[in-house]
Amino acid sequence: MTHEQPNNPLHGVTLEKVVTRLVEHYGWDGLAERININCFNSDPSVKSTLKFLRKTQWARDKVENLYISTF
């Protein structure tokens, strides 16, 4: 699904980069405060978070929206 998305702020940004930048900015605790999902609260890692977000669209939407509003 490759479409031109000039107005999409996430265009060309991988999910891994989104998660990594948010962790660098807020830390895992800060992310857990903003978005209450277990992968931020319980033994967080980028790998486990990516696995969860790829399967869970509503959580991915929240993470992407936080990224957009933060950066």
C-alpha atoms as a PDB file:
ATOM      1  CA  MET A   1       0.000   0.000   0.000  1.00  0.00           C
ATOM      2  CA  THR A   2       2.211   2.809  -1.219  1.00  0.00           C
ATOM      3  CA  HIS A   3       0.366   6.043  -1.823  1.00  0.00           C
ATOM      4  CA  GLU A   4       1.693   9.570  -1.958  1.00  0.00           C
ATOM      5  CA  GLN A   5       0.827  11.130   1.377  1.00  0.00           C
ATOM      6  CA  PRO A   6       2.125  14.704   1.382  1.00  0.00           C
ATOM      7  CA  ASN A   7      -0.034  15.656   4.388  1.00  0.00           C
ATOM      8  CA  ASN A   8       0.822  12.606   6.453  1.00  0.00           C
ATOM      9  CA  PRO A   9       3.420  13.612   9.088  1.00  0.00           C
ATOM     10  CA  LEU A  10       4.328   9.946   9.505  1.00  0.00           C
ATOM     11  CA  HIS A  11       5.078   9.411   5.820  1.00  0.00           C
ATOM     12  CA  GLY A  12       8.465   7.722   5.566  1.00  0.00           C
ATOM     13  CA  VAL A  13       8.789   7.283   9.349  1.00  0.00           C
ATOM     14  CA  THR A  14       8.994   3.681  10.514  1.00  0.00           C
ATOM     15  CA  LEU A  15       7.063   2.482  13.537  1.00  0.00           C
ATOM     16  CA  GLU A  16      10.393   1.613  15.139  1.00  0.00           C
ATOM     17  CA  LYS A  17      11.575   5.203  14.729  1.00  0.00           C
ATOM     18  CA  VAL A  18       8.307   6.500  16.198  1.00  0.00           C
ATOM     19  CA  VAL A  19       8.687   4.298  19.292  1.00  0.00           C
ATOM     20  CA  THR A  20      12.419   4.994  19.668  1.00  0.00           C
ATOM     21  CA  ARG A  21      11.983   8.782  19.494  1.00  0.00           C
ATOM     22  CA  LEU A  22       9.100   8.726  21.970  1.00  0.00           C
ATOM     23  CA  VAL A  23      11.124   6.622  24.414  1.00  0.00           C
ATOM     24  CA  GLU A  24      14.081   9.014  24.065  1.00  0.00           C
ATOM     25  CA  HIS A  25      11.759  11.973  24.680  1.00  0.00           C
ATOM     26  CA  TYR A  26       9.457  10.680  27.458  1.00  0.00           C
ATOM     27  CA  GLY A  27      11.078   7.495  28.740  1.00  0.00           C
ATOM     28  CA  TRP A  28       9.031   4.357  29.310  1.00  0.00           C
ATOM     29  CA  ASP A  29       7.413   5.772  32.462  1.00  0.00           C
ATOM     30  CA  GLY A  30       6.372   8.921  30.639  1.00  0.00           C
ATOM     31  CA  LEU A  31       4.871   6.881  27.821  1.00  0.00           C
ATOM     32  CA  ALA A  32       3.004   4.681  30.292  1.00  0.00           C
ATOM     33  CA  GLU A  33       1.527   7.819  31.908  1.00  0.00           C
ATOM     34  CA  ARG A  34       0.312   9.096  28.537  1.00  0.00           C
ATOM     35  CA  ILE A  35      -0.851   5.814  26.992  1.00  0.00           C
ATOM     36  CA  ASN A  36      -1.931   3.034  29.323  1.00  0.00           C
ATOM     37  CA  ILE A  37      -0.825  -0.112  27.532  1.00  0.00           C
ATOM     38  CA  ASN A  38       1.002  -3.018  29.134  1.00  0.00           C
ATOM     39  CA  CYS A  39       3.967  -2.938  26.781  1.00  0.00           C
ATOM     40  CA  PHE A  40       4.901   0.460  28.326  1.00  0.00           C
ATOM     41  CA  ASN A  41       4.235  -0.628  31.914  1.00  0.00           C
ATOM     42  CA  SER A  42       5.511  -4.167  32.155  1.00  0.00           C
ATOM     43  CA  ASP A  43       9.146  -4.907  31.227  1.00  0.00           C
ATOM     44  CA  PRO A  44       9.131  -2.474  28.280  1.00  0.00           C
ATOM     45  CA  SER A  45      11.353  -2.875  25.251  1.00  0.00           C
ATOM     46  CA  VAL A  46      11.225  -1.494  21.735  1.00  0.00           C
ATOM     47  CA  LYS A  47      10.975  -5.030  20.342  1.00  0.00           C
ATOM     48  CA  SER A  48       7.991  -6.067  22.481  1.00  0.00           C
ATOM     49  CA  THR A  49       6.281  -2.729  21.890  1.00  0.00           C
ATOM     50  CA  LEU A  50       6.652  -3.042  18.109  1.00  0.00           C
ATOM     51  CA  LYS A  51       5.270  -6.580  18.197  1.00  0.00           C
ATOM     52  CA  PHE A  52       2.222  -5.396  20.160  1.00  0.00           C
ATOM     53  CA  LEU A  53       1.603  -2.261  18.086  1.00  0.00           C
ATOM     54  CA  ARG A  54       1.767  -4.163  14.801  1.00  0.00           C
ATOM     55  CA  LYS A  55      -1.096  -6.371  16.028  1.00  0.00           C
ATOM     56  CA  THR A  56      -3.139  -3.720  17.846  1.00  0.00           C
ATOM     57  CA  GLN A  57      -4.374  -0.873  15.666  1.00  0.00           C
ATOM     58  CA  TRP A  58      -6.020   1.247  18.386  1.00  0.00           C
ATOM     59  CA  ALA A  59      -2.807   1.277  20.418  1.00  0.00           C
ATOM     60  CA  ARG A  60      -0.742   2.043  17.337  1.00  0.00           C
ATOM     61  CA  ASP A  61      -3.059   4.966  16.534  1.00  0.00           C
ATOM     62  CA  LYS A  62      -2.556   6.390  20.035  1.00  0.00           C
ATOM     63  CA  VAL A  63       1.228   6.051  19.793  1.00  0.00           C
ATOM     64  CA  GLU A  64       1.314   7.642  16.342  1.00  0.00           C
ATOM     65  CA  ASN A  65      -0.939  10.487  17.478  1.00  0.00           C
ATOM     66  CA  LEU A  66       1.315  11.133  20.471  1.00  0.00           C
ATOM     67  CA  TYR A  67       4.310  11.205  18.133  1.00  0.00           C
ATOM     68  CA  ILE A  68       2.579  13.711  15.835  1.00  0.00           C
ATOM     69  CA  SER A  69       1.546  15.983  18.704  1.00  0.00           C
ATOM     70  CA  THR A  70       4.987  15.781  20.312  1.00  0.00           C
ATOM     71  CA  PHE A  71       7.158  16.332  17.249  1.00  0.00           C
END
